[in-house]
Structures are given as structure tokens and as C-alpha cells.
C-alpha atoms as a PDB file:
ATOM      1  CA  MET A   1       0.000   0.000   0.000  1.00  0.00           C
ATOM      2  CA  THR A   2       1.213   3.458  -0.779  1.00  0.00           C
ATOM      3  CA  GLY A   3       0.113   6.810   0.570  1.00  0.00           C
ATOM      4  CA  VAL A   4      -1.168   5.496   3.898  1.00  0.00           C
ATOM      5  CA  GLN A   5      -2.261   8.250   6.278  1.00  0.00           C
ATOM      6  CA  THR A   6      -3.604   7.775   9.770  1.00  0.00           C
ATOM      7  CA  CYS A   7      -5.640  10.151  11.876  1.00  0.00           C
ATOM      8  CA  ALA A   8      -3.494  12.211  14.269  1.00  0.00           C
ATOM      9  CA  LEU A   9      -6.130  12.226  17.011  1.00  0.00           C
ATOM     10  CA  PRO A  10      -6.323   9.554  19.681  1.00  0.00           C
ATOM     11  CA  ILE A  11      -9.089   6.991  19.520  1.00  0.00           C
ATOM     12  CA  CYS A  12      -9.816   7.672  15.878  1.00  0.00           C
ATOM     13  CA  PHE A  13      -9.074   4.850  13.460  1.00  0.00           C
ATOM     14  CA  PRO A  14      -9.715   5.789   9.824  1.00  0.00           C
ATOM     15  CA  VAL A  15      -6.939   5.141   7.338  1.00  0.00           C
ATOM     16  CA  THR A  16      -6.854   6.651   3.843  1.00  0.00           C
ATOM     17  CA  ILE A  17      -5.414   4.185   1.364  1.00  0.00           C
ATOM     18  CA  ARG A  18      -4.242   4.394  -2.240  1.00  0.00           C
ATOM     19  CA  THR A  19      -3.423   0.949  -3.562  1.00  0.00           C
ATOM     20  CA  SER A  20      -1.502  -0.395  -6.516  1.00  0.00           C
ATOM     21  CA  GLY A  21      -1.547  -3.860  -7.989  1.00  0.00           C
ATOM     22  CA  LEU A  22      -4.817  -5.002  -6.450  1.00  0.00           C
ATOM     23  CA  ASP A  23      -6.359  -5.569  -9.859  1.00  0.00           C
ATOM     24  CA  THR A  24      -9.772  -5.534  -8.185  1.00  0.00           C
ATOM     25  CA  THR A  25     -12.967  -3.857  -9.252  1.00  0.00           C
ATOM     26  CA  LEU A  26     -15.244  -2.408  -6.603  1.00  0.00           C
ATOM     27  CA  LYS A  27     -18.994  -2.253  -7.050  1.00  0.00           C
ATOM     28  CA  LEU A  28     -20.286   0.974  -5.482  1.00  0.00           C
ATOM     29  CA  TYR A  29     -23.889   2.118  -5.226  1.00  0.00           C
ATOM     30  CA  ASP A  30     -24.975   5.737  -5.511  1.00  0.00           C
ATOM     31  CA  PRO A  31     -27.939   7.229  -3.591  1.00  0.00           C
ATOM     32  CA  LEU A  32     -30.320   6.029  -6.322  1.00  0.00           C
ATOM     33  CA  ASN A  33     -29.008   2.481  -5.821  1.00  0.00           C
ATOM     34  CA  SER A  34     -27.386   2.404  -9.253  1.00  0.00           C
ATOM     35  CA  PRO A  35     -24.205   0.325  -9.362  1.00  0.00           C
ATOM     36  CA  HIS A  36     -20.888   1.805 -10.494  1.00  0.00           C
ATOM     37  CA  TYR A  37     -17.720  -0.197 -11.107  1.00  0.00           C
ATOM     38  CA  VAL A  38     -14.394   1.361 -10.163  1.00  0.00           C
ATOM     39  CA  SER A  39     -10.875  -0.031 -10.114  1.00  0.00           C
ATOM     40  CA  ALA A  40      -9.602  -0.176  -6.521  1.00  0.00           C
ATOM     41  CA  ASP A  41      -6.236   1.102  -7.784  1.00  0.00           C
ATOM     42  CA  GLN A  42      -7.834   4.248  -9.253  1.00  0.00           C
ATOM     43  CA  ILE A  43      -9.397   5.691  -6.105  1.00  0.00           C
ATOM     44  CA  GLU A  44      -8.500   6.406  -2.495  1.00  0.00           C
ATOM     45  CA  PHE A  45     -10.788   4.977   0.103  1.00  0.00           C
ATOM     46  CA  ILE A  46     -11.193   4.798   3.857  1.00  0.00           C
ATOM     47  CA  LEU A  47     -10.781   1.692   5.979  1.00  0.00           C
ATOM     48  CA  GLN A  48     -12.014   1.679   9.536  1.00  0.00           C
ATOM     49  CA  LYS A  49     -12.172  -0.846  12.290  1.00  0.00           C
ATOM     50  CA  LYS A  50     -15.697  -1.982  13.007  1.00  0.00           C
ATOM     51  CA  VAL A  51     -17.061  -0.499  16.212  1.00  0.00           C
ATOM     52  CA  GLU A  52     -20.157  -1.146  18.272  1.00  0.00           C
ATOM     53  CA  LEU A  53     -22.661   1.705  18.113  1.00  0.00           C
ATOM     54  CA  PHE A  54     -22.929   3.507  21.428  1.00  0.00           C
ATOM     55  CA  PRO A  55     -26.696   3.055  22.047  1.00  0.00           C
ATOM     56  CA  GLU A  56     -26.312  -0.744  21.778  1.00  0.00           C
ATOM     57  CA  TYR A  57     -23.188  -0.674  23.954  1.00  0.00           C
ATOM     58  CA  PHE A  58     -25.002   1.453  26.532  1.00  0.00           C
ATOM     59  CA  GLU A  59     -28.003  -0.878  26.585  1.00  0.00           C
ATOM     60  CA  CYS A  60     -25.748  -3.896  27.218  1.00  0.00           C
ATOM     61  CA  ASN A  61     -23.667  -2.072  29.848  1.00  0.00           C
ATOM     62  CA  LYS A  62     -26.124   0.232  31.600  1.00  0.00           C
ATOM     63  CA  GLN A  63     -25.714  -1.771  34.811  1.00  0.00           C
ATOM     64  CA  ASN A  64     -21.920  -1.898  34.408  1.00  0.00           C
ATOM     65  CA  ASP A  65     -20.726   1.290  36.092  1.00  0.00           C
ATOM     66  CA  GLU A  66     -17.071   0.372  35.612  1.00  0.00           C
ATOM     67  CA  ALA A  67     -17.400   0.020  31.821  1.00  0.00           C
ATOM     68  CA  LEU A  68     -19.296   3.300  31.452  1.00  0.00           C
ATOM     69  CA  HIS A  69     -16.914   5.099  33.809  1.00  0.00           C
ATOM     70  CA  ILE A  70     -13.995   4.017  31.609  1.00  0.00           C
ATOM     71  CA  PHE A  71     -15.836   5.047  28.434  1.00  0.00           C
ATOM     72  CA  PHE A  72     -16.789   8.541  29.627  1.00  0.00           C
ATOM     73  CA  THR A  73     -13.413   9.146  31.259  1.00  0.00           C
ATOM     74  CA  GLU A  74     -11.728   8.317  27.946  1.00  0.00           C
ATOM     75  CA  PHE A  75     -14.257  10.487  26.115  1.00  0.00           C
ATOM     76  CA  VAL A  76     -13.318  13.474  28.295  1.00  0.00           C
ATOM     77  CA  GLN A  77      -9.616  12.820  27.657  1.00  0.00           C
ATOM     78  CA  VAL A  78     -10.222  12.951  23.899  1.00  0.00           C
ATOM     79  CA  LEU A  79     -12.121  16.228  24.272  1.00  0.00           C
ATOM     80  CA  LYS A  80      -9.331  17.611  26.466  1.00  0.00           C
ATOM     81  CA  HIS A  81      -6.722  16.683  23.850  1.00  0.00           C
ATOM     82  CA  ARG A  82      -8.798  18.313  21.129  1.00  0.00           C
ATOM     83  CA  MET A  83      -9.301  21.440  23.252  1.00  0.00           C
ATOM     84  CA  GLU A  84      -5.567  21.746  23.878  1.00  0.00           C
ATOM     85  CA  SER A  85      -4.863  21.163  20.175  1.00  0.00           C
ATOM     86  CA  LYS A  86      -7.524  23.707  19.128  1.00  0.00           C
ATOM     87  CA  ILE A  87      -9.469  21.099  17.191  1.00  0.00           C
ATOM     88  CA  ARG A  88     -13.214  21.604  16.912  1.00  0.00           C
ATOM     89  CA  ASP A  89     -15.888  19.032  16.140  1.00  0.00           C
ATOM     90  CA  SER A  90     -19.352  20.504  15.734  1.00  0.00           C
ATOM     91  CA  ASP A  91     -21.099  17.149  15.526  1.00  0.00           C
ATOM     92  CA  ILE A  92     -20.212  14.751  18.356  1.00  0.00           C
ATOM     93  CA  SER A  93     -23.229  12.505  18.753  1.00  0.00           C
ATOM     94  CA  LEU A  94     -23.558   9.233  20.658  1.00  0.00           C
ATOM     95  CA  GLN A  95     -26.233   7.974  18.279  1.00  0.00           C
ATOM     96  CA  TYR A  96     -24.748   8.803  14.893  1.00  0.00           C
ATOM     97  CA  ASN A  97     -20.986   9.231  14.809  1.00  0.00           C
ATOM     98  CA  MET A  98     -19.472   7.626  17.842  1.00  0.00           C
ATOM     99  CA  GLY A  99     -19.049   4.015  18.675  1.00  0.00           C
ATOM    100  CA  VAL A 100     -17.181   1.878  21.140  1.00  0.00           C
ATOM    101  CA  LEU A 101     -14.032  -0.106  20.450  1.00  0.00           C
ATOM    102  CA  ASP A 102     -12.502  -2.098  23.293  1.00  0.00           C
ATOM    103  CA  GLY A 103     -14.576  -0.092  25.802  1.00  0.00           C
ATOM    104  CA  LYS A 104     -13.316   3.276  24.561  1.00  0.00           C
ATOM    105  CA  PRO A 105     -14.925   5.915  22.343  1.00  0.00           C
ATOM    106  CA  ALA A 106     -14.254   5.661  18.637  1.00  0.00           C
ATOM    107  CA  PHE A 107     -15.186   8.609  16.448  1.00  0.00           C
ATOM    108  CA  PHE A 108     -16.111   7.441  12.975  1.00  0.00           C
ATOM    109  CA  ASP A 109     -17.377  10.633  11.393  1.00  0.00           C
ATOM    110  CA  ILE A 110     -14.434  13.005  11.369  1.00  0.00           C
ATOM    111  CA  GLY A 111     -15.718  15.183   8.530  1.00  0.00           C
ATOM    112  CA  ASN A 112     -16.608  18.026  10.887  1.00  0.00           C
ATOM    113  CA  LEU A 113     -13.169  18.437  12.445  1.00  0.00           C
ATOM    114  CA  THR A 114     -11.841  21.949  11.984  1.00  0.00           C
ATOM    115  CA  GLU A 115      -9.023  24.014  13.382  1.00  0.00           C
ATOM    116  CA  ALA A 116     -10.193  26.520  15.975  1.00  0.00           C
ATOM    117  CA  GLU A 117      -8.557  29.880  16.581  1.00  0.00           C
ATOM    118  CA  THR A 118      -8.927  29.463  20.336  1.00  0.00           C
ATOM    119  CA  LYS A 119      -9.427  26.520  22.664  1.00  0.00           C
ATOM    120  CA  THR A 120     -12.757  24.846  22.090  1.00  0.00           C
ATOM    121  CA  ASP A 121     -15.641  24.983  24.558  1.00  0.00           C
ATOM    122  CA  LEU A 122     -15.950  21.488  26.017  1.00  0.00           C
ATOM    123  CA  PHE A 123     -19.608  21.916  26.917  1.00  0.00           C
ATOM    124  CA  GLU A 124     -20.419  23.124  23.404  1.00  0.00           C
ATOM    125  CA  GLU A 125     -18.470  20.202  21.919  1.00  0.00           C
ATOM    126  CA  SER A 126     -20.358  17.697  24.039  1.00  0.00           C
ATOM    127  CA  ARG A 127     -23.823  19.293  23.863  1.00  0.00           C
ATOM    128  CA  LEU A 128     -25.361  16.457  21.788  1.00  0.00           C
ATOM    129  CA  VAL A 129     -23.811  13.827  24.041  1.00  0.00           C
ATOM    130  CA  LEU A 130     -25.121  15.579  27.146  1.00  0.00           C
ATOM    131  CA  ALA A 131     -28.591  15.946  25.623  1.00  0.00           C
ATOM    132  CA  TRP A 132     -28.722  12.207  24.891  1.00  0.00           C
ATOM    133  CA  LEU A 133     -27.496  11.362  28.382  1.00  0.00           C
ATOM    134  CA  HIS A 134     -29.982  13.717  30.067  1.00  0.00           C
ATOM    135  CA  THR A 135     -32.740  11.819  28.249  1.00  0.00           C
ATOM    136  CA  TYR A 136     -31.486   8.252  28.746  1.00  0.00           C
ATOM    137  CA  SER A 137     -29.262   8.398  31.828  1.00  0.00           C
ATOM    138  CA  PRO A 138     -29.157  11.557  33.950  1.00  0.00           C
ATOM    139  CA  LYS A 139     -26.658   9.825  36.244  1.00  0.00           C
ATOM    140  CA  TRP A 140     -24.074   9.657  33.442  1.00  0.00           C
ATOM    141  CA  ALA A 141     -24.937  13.160  32.239  1.00  0.00           C
ATOM    142  CA  PHE A 142     -24.073  14.419  35.726  1.00  0.00           C
ATOM    143  CA  PHE A 143     -20.843  12.380  35.722  1.00  0.00           C
ATOM    144  CA  LEU A 144     -19.813  13.766  32.332  1.00  0.00           C
ATOM    145  CA  GLU A 145     -20.614  17.361  33.323  1.00  0.00           C
ATOM    146  CA  LYS A 146     -18.513  16.957  36.470  1.00  0.00           C
ATOM    147  CA  GLN A 147     -15.599  15.531  34.465  1.00  0.00           C
ATOM    148  CA  LEU A 148     -15.780  18.401  31.968  1.00  0.00           C
ATOM    149  CA  GLN A 149     -15.841  20.963  34.798  1.00  0.00           C
ATOM    150  CA  GLU A 150     -12.733  19.358  36.316  1.00  0.00           C
ATOM    151  CA  VAL A 151     -10.865  19.589  33.016  1.00  0.00           C
ATOM    152  CA  LEU A 152     -11.815  23.236  32.693  1.00  0.00           C
ATOM    153  CA  ALA A 153     -10.778  23.952  36.291  1.00  0.00           C
ATOM    154  CA  ASP A 154      -7.400  22.292  35.667  1.00  0.00           C
ATOM    155  CA  ASP A 155      -7.011  24.298  32.475  1.00  0.00           C
ATOM    156  CA  ASP A 156      -7.597  27.574  34.358  1.00  0.00           C
ATOM    157  CA  GLU A 157      -4.733  26.849  36.783  1.00  0.00           C
END
């Protein structure tokens, strides 16, 4: 494989690949469900590890405080790293673009990452996550809010 690039952010696993010598044709479907045939050596594409969607993970682990504590603690660490790196993500959602891989958050829709001029607002970044948690598990919403406040307090020192 040539031209392999990996995501520079932690807990983010997409890899852009340009191949040569595969001699394989891919069958792709457009939004109208029409097939298109493309040589795998003629296009770049994304490979990602398969992750479990968060709502299913939550349902299976809602009685497992240790697993959810690890998940949300790791989630806050990712947000902290992004804040310090001035990376903004306007669309962090537990239902649509975040999954779980080995008990940790995996972001699989990185299309909304942008460079921020100043440090990002952690509560703004996590607003969709907090909204989901307030609906489905206020206990974990409170935990996440507390963790975010601690990061911000440490940042102010």
C-alpha cells in the first residue's frame, strides 16, 4: 500500500489508502441504488475498524458502572486533547458518529473536524452527548458534566 495516512487524534481509526496492484474492481452504489464499477487502484478509500454503536453498547452495559466510567473518562480525555490542540468538532453525537471499540470511544465521522482559533468549549463540543445522556441516563450526564468541569478547572490553573 502506498500513501497510507492515519488520523493524528487519539481513539480515531480511519486510514486513507491508495493501492496499486490489487487488480480488483469495486462495485459501489450511488444514492439512487445504481451500481458503479471502479478499479480499486484508481481511487482512495477509507478503511475503519468496526465499532459497536454507542446506544447498543449502553443498553448492554447500563448496569456496568465500571465500563461506562472508563468510556466517559476516555471520552473526556479525547475532548481535552482536542481542546488543547484547538481542534473543533461541531457534531459529536452518541447515536450517529461515535461508537465503542474495546470499551473506549471511537469517532467514525471526522468530517466536521476543523481548526479553531482558540481553545474549544468542552460543553459546546459535548452538547449532543449531554442531551442524549440527560434523556437516557441523567446519572451519566451528571458524571460527564462533572468531568468536563474538572478539566476546565485544571485548564484555568
